[in-house]
Amino acid sequence: MSDGDRPLPNRWKRFSEWDDRPLRLDKFAAEDADSGFAAFKSPHDPKPGLVLTTGGVAVMDGIAAADFDMIDWFIAS
């Protein structure tokens, strides 16, 4: 049996559309910075900044170490 004679696998029709669509053009959701969904360059992002002391990070992105949340602590450590 040649490759042209091989039966196609049993697939749902929606997979045919996925096969024809380049992944780089896939849009899962529209960015909306006002609703809190922006992957890059949101107008609500803080200005980047870092203040170091002998004990480590004192201020990161305008937030004092005493006010860090869990993600800030992970990045700063």
N, C-alpha and C. Protein backbone atom coordinates (compact mmCIF):
# COMPACT_ATOMS: atom_id res chain seq x y z
N MET A 1 0.85 -1.17 0.00
CA MET A 1 0.00 0.00 0.00
C MET A 1 0.90 1.24 0.00
N SER A 2 0.65 2.19 -0.87
CA SER A 2 1.45 3.41 -0.92
C SER A 2 0.87 4.44 0.05
N ASP A 3 1.63 5.53 0.25
CA ASP A 3 1.18 6.58 1.18
C ASP A 3 -0.14 7.20 0.73
N GLY A 4 -0.36 7.29 -0.58
CA GLY A 4 -1.59 7.88 -1.08
C GLY A 4 -2.79 6.99 -0.84
N ASP A 5 -2.57 5.69 -0.68
CA ASP A 5 -3.68 4.76 -0.47
C ASP A 5 -4.03 4.55 1.00
N ARG A 6 -3.21 5.10 1.88
CA ARG A 6 -3.41 4.90 3.31
C ARG A 6 -4.69 5.61 3.77
N PRO A 7 -5.55 4.95 4.52
CA PRO A 7 -6.78 5.61 4.99
C PRO A 7 -6.45 6.69 6.01
N LEU A 8 -7.25 7.74 6.00
CA LEU A 8 -7.05 8.84 6.95
C LEU A 8 -7.49 8.39 8.33
N PRO A 9 -6.83 8.89 9.37
CA PRO A 9 -7.25 8.51 10.72
C PRO A 9 -8.65 9.05 11.02
N ASN A 10 -9.33 8.39 11.93
CA ASN A 10 -10.66 8.82 12.33
C ASN A 10 -10.50 10.06 13.22
N ARG A 11 -10.85 11.23 12.68
CA ARG A 11 -10.67 12.48 13.42
C ARG A 11 -11.96 13.29 13.38
N TRP A 12 -12.13 14.11 14.40
CA TRP A 12 -13.27 15.00 14.40
C TRP A 12 -13.01 16.13 13.42
N LYS A 13 -14.05 16.71 12.91
CA LYS A 13 -13.95 17.74 11.89
C LYS A 13 -13.20 18.99 12.41
N ARG A 14 -13.35 19.31 13.68
CA ARG A 14 -12.70 20.53 14.20
C ARG A 14 -11.19 20.45 14.11
N PHE A 15 -10.62 19.24 14.14
CA PHE A 15 -9.17 19.12 14.03
C PHE A 15 -8.68 19.50 12.65
N SER A 16 -9.48 19.35 11.63
CA SER A 16 -9.09 19.75 10.28
C SER A 16 -8.84 21.25 10.23
N GLU A 17 -9.68 22.02 10.91
CA GLU A 17 -9.47 23.47 10.96
C GLU A 17 -8.18 23.80 11.70
N TRP A 18 -7.90 23.10 12.78
CA TRP A 18 -6.68 23.34 13.54
C TRP A 18 -5.45 23.02 12.69
N ASP A 19 -5.51 21.98 11.89
CA ASP A 19 -4.38 21.60 11.06
C ASP A 19 -4.07 22.67 10.02
N ASP A 20 -5.07 23.39 9.56
CA ASP A 20 -4.88 24.40 8.52
C ASP A 20 -4.50 25.76 9.07
N ARG A 21 -4.53 25.95 10.38
CA ARG A 21 -4.28 27.25 10.99
C ARG A 21 -2.88 27.29 11.60
N PRO A 22 -2.04 28.25 11.17
CA PRO A 22 -0.72 28.36 11.80
C PRO A 22 -0.84 28.76 13.28
N LEU A 23 -0.10 28.09 14.12
CA LEU A 23 -0.19 28.35 15.55
C LEU A 23 0.18 29.79 15.89
N ARG A 24 1.11 30.38 15.17
CA ARG A 24 1.55 31.74 15.49
C ARG A 24 0.44 32.77 15.30
N LEU A 25 -0.59 32.43 14.55
CA LEU A 25 -1.70 33.34 14.34
C LEU A 25 -2.86 33.08 15.30
N ASP A 26 -2.70 32.13 16.19
CA ASP A 26 -3.76 31.78 17.12
C ASP A 26 -3.98 32.92 18.12
N LYS A 27 -5.19 33.30 18.32
CA LYS A 27 -5.55 34.34 19.27
C LYS A 27 -6.50 33.73 20.29
N PHE A 28 -6.01 33.54 21.51
CA PHE A 28 -6.83 32.93 22.55
C PHE A 28 -7.78 33.93 23.18
N ALA A 29 -7.32 35.15 23.36
CA ALA A 29 -8.16 36.19 23.95
C ALA A 29 -7.58 37.54 23.56
N ALA A 30 -8.44 38.51 23.43
CA ALA A 30 -7.98 39.86 23.12
C ALA A 30 -7.42 40.51 24.39
N GLU A 31 -6.31 41.22 24.24
CA GLU A 31 -5.73 41.90 25.40
C GLU A 31 -6.63 43.06 25.80
N ASP A 32 -6.82 43.21 27.10
CA ASP A 32 -7.63 44.29 27.65
C ASP A 32 -7.00 44.72 28.97
N ALA A 33 -6.16 45.74 28.91
CA ALA A 33 -5.41 46.17 30.09
C ALA A 33 -6.33 46.66 31.21
N ASP A 34 -7.45 47.27 30.86
CA ASP A 34 -8.36 47.77 31.89
C ASP A 34 -9.02 46.64 32.69
N SER A 35 -9.14 45.47 32.07
CA SER A 35 -9.70 44.32 32.78
C SER A 35 -8.61 43.47 33.44
N GLY A 36 -7.35 43.88 33.28
CA GLY A 36 -6.26 43.16 33.93
C GLY A 36 -5.63 42.10 33.06
N PHE A 37 -5.95 42.06 31.77
CA PHE A 37 -5.35 41.06 30.90
C PHE A 37 -4.53 41.76 29.83
N ALA A 38 -3.23 41.85 30.08
CA ALA A 38 -2.29 42.38 29.10
C ALA A 38 -0.97 41.67 29.32
N ALA A 39 -0.50 40.98 28.30
CA ALA A 39 0.74 40.22 28.43
C ALA A 39 1.95 41.13 28.45
N PHE A 40 1.93 42.18 27.68
CA PHE A 40 3.07 43.08 27.58
C PHE A 40 2.59 44.53 27.50
N LYS A 41 3.36 45.41 28.09
CA LYS A 41 3.18 46.86 27.95
C LYS A 41 1.78 47.35 28.33
N SER A 42 1.36 47.02 29.50
CA SER A 42 0.10 47.56 30.00
C SER A 42 0.35 48.98 30.51
N PRO A 43 -0.58 49.89 30.31
CA PRO A 43 -0.39 51.24 30.86
C PRO A 43 -0.43 51.24 32.39
N HIS A 44 -0.86 50.13 32.99
CA HIS A 44 -0.95 50.04 34.45
C HIS A 44 0.30 49.42 35.07
N ASP A 45 1.28 49.03 34.26
CA ASP A 45 2.51 48.44 34.78
C ASP A 45 3.32 49.48 35.54
N PRO A 46 3.96 49.09 36.64
CA PRO A 46 4.79 50.04 37.37
C PRO A 46 6.08 50.32 36.60
N LYS A 47 6.68 51.45 36.89
CA LYS A 47 7.99 51.77 36.30
C LYS A 47 9.02 50.81 36.90
N PRO A 48 9.86 50.20 36.07
CA PRO A 48 10.85 49.28 36.61
C PRO A 48 11.89 50.01 37.46
N GLY A 49 12.29 49.38 38.54
CA GLY A 49 13.30 49.95 39.41
C GLY A 49 13.73 48.95 40.46
N LEU A 50 14.95 49.13 40.94
CA LEU A 50 15.49 48.21 41.94
C LEU A 50 16.43 48.97 42.85
N VAL A 51 16.22 48.85 44.16
CA VAL A 51 17.11 49.45 45.16
C VAL A 51 17.67 48.31 45.99
N LEU A 52 19.00 48.18 45.97
CA LEU A 52 19.67 47.11 46.71
C LEU A 52 20.35 47.66 47.95
N THR A 53 20.31 46.90 49.02
CA THR A 53 21.05 47.22 50.24
C THR A 53 21.94 46.02 50.55
N THR A 54 22.69 46.11 51.62
CA THR A 54 23.55 45.00 52.01
C THR A 54 22.74 43.74 52.29
N GLY A 55 21.53 43.90 52.79
CA GLY A 55 20.68 42.77 53.13
C GLY A 55 19.90 42.20 51.96
N GLY A 56 19.95 42.82 50.80
CA GLY A 56 19.23 42.32 49.63
C GLY A 56 18.41 43.43 48.98
N VAL A 57 17.28 43.06 48.43
CA VAL A 57 16.43 44.01 47.72
C VAL A 57 15.61 44.80 48.74
N ALA A 58 15.69 46.13 48.67
CA ALA A 58 14.92 46.99 49.56
C ALA A 58 13.65 47.49 48.89
N VAL A 59 13.74 47.82 47.60
CA VAL A 59 12.60 48.32 46.84
C VAL A 59 12.67 47.74 45.44
N MET A 60 11.54 47.24 44.95
CA MET A 60 11.49 46.72 43.59
C MET A 60 10.24 47.27 42.91
N ASP A 61 10.43 47.93 41.78
CA ASP A 61 9.34 48.52 41.01
C ASP A 61 8.49 49.47 41.86
N GLY A 62 9.14 50.20 42.76
CA GLY A 62 8.44 51.18 43.59
C GLY A 62 7.73 50.59 44.78
N ILE A 63 7.90 49.31 45.05
CA ILE A 63 7.25 48.66 46.19
C ILE A 63 8.32 48.30 47.22
N ALA A 64 8.11 48.72 48.46
CA ALA A 64 9.07 48.42 49.52
C ALA A 64 9.03 46.93 49.86
N ALA A 65 10.17 46.41 50.33
CA ALA A 65 10.27 44.98 50.66
C ALA A 65 9.22 44.56 51.69
N ALA A 66 8.86 45.44 52.59
CA ALA A 66 7.85 45.12 53.61
C ALA A 66 6.47 44.87 52.98
N ASP A 67 6.25 45.40 51.77
CA ASP A 67 4.95 45.26 51.10
C ASP A 67 4.96 44.23 49.98
N PHE A 68 6.04 43.44 49.86
CA PHE A 68 6.13 42.43 48.80
C PHE A 68 5.06 41.36 48.97
N ASP A 69 4.51 40.91 47.84
CA ASP A 69 3.66 39.73 47.88
C ASP A 69 4.53 38.51 47.57
N MET A 70 3.92 37.35 47.46
CA MET A 70 4.68 36.11 47.29
C MET A 70 5.51 36.12 45.99
N ILE A 71 4.94 36.64 44.93
CA ILE A 71 5.67 36.67 43.66
C ILE A 71 6.86 37.62 43.75
N ASP A 72 6.69 38.78 44.38
CA ASP A 72 7.81 39.71 44.56
C ASP A 72 8.93 39.07 45.37
N TRP A 73 8.58 38.34 46.43
CA TRP A 73 9.60 37.66 47.23
C TRP A 73 10.34 36.61 46.40
N PHE A 74 9.62 35.91 45.56
CA PHE A 74 10.25 34.88 44.71
C PHE A 74 11.24 35.52 43.74
N ILE A 75 10.84 36.64 43.13
CA ILE A 75 11.72 37.32 42.18
C ILE A 75 12.93 37.93 42.89
N ALA A 76 12.71 38.50 44.05
CA ALA A 76 13.78 39.19 44.76
C ALA A 76 14.78 38.25 45.41
N SER A 77 14.40 37.02 45.66
CA SER A 77 15.34 36.13 46.36
C SER A 77 16.26 35.39 45.42
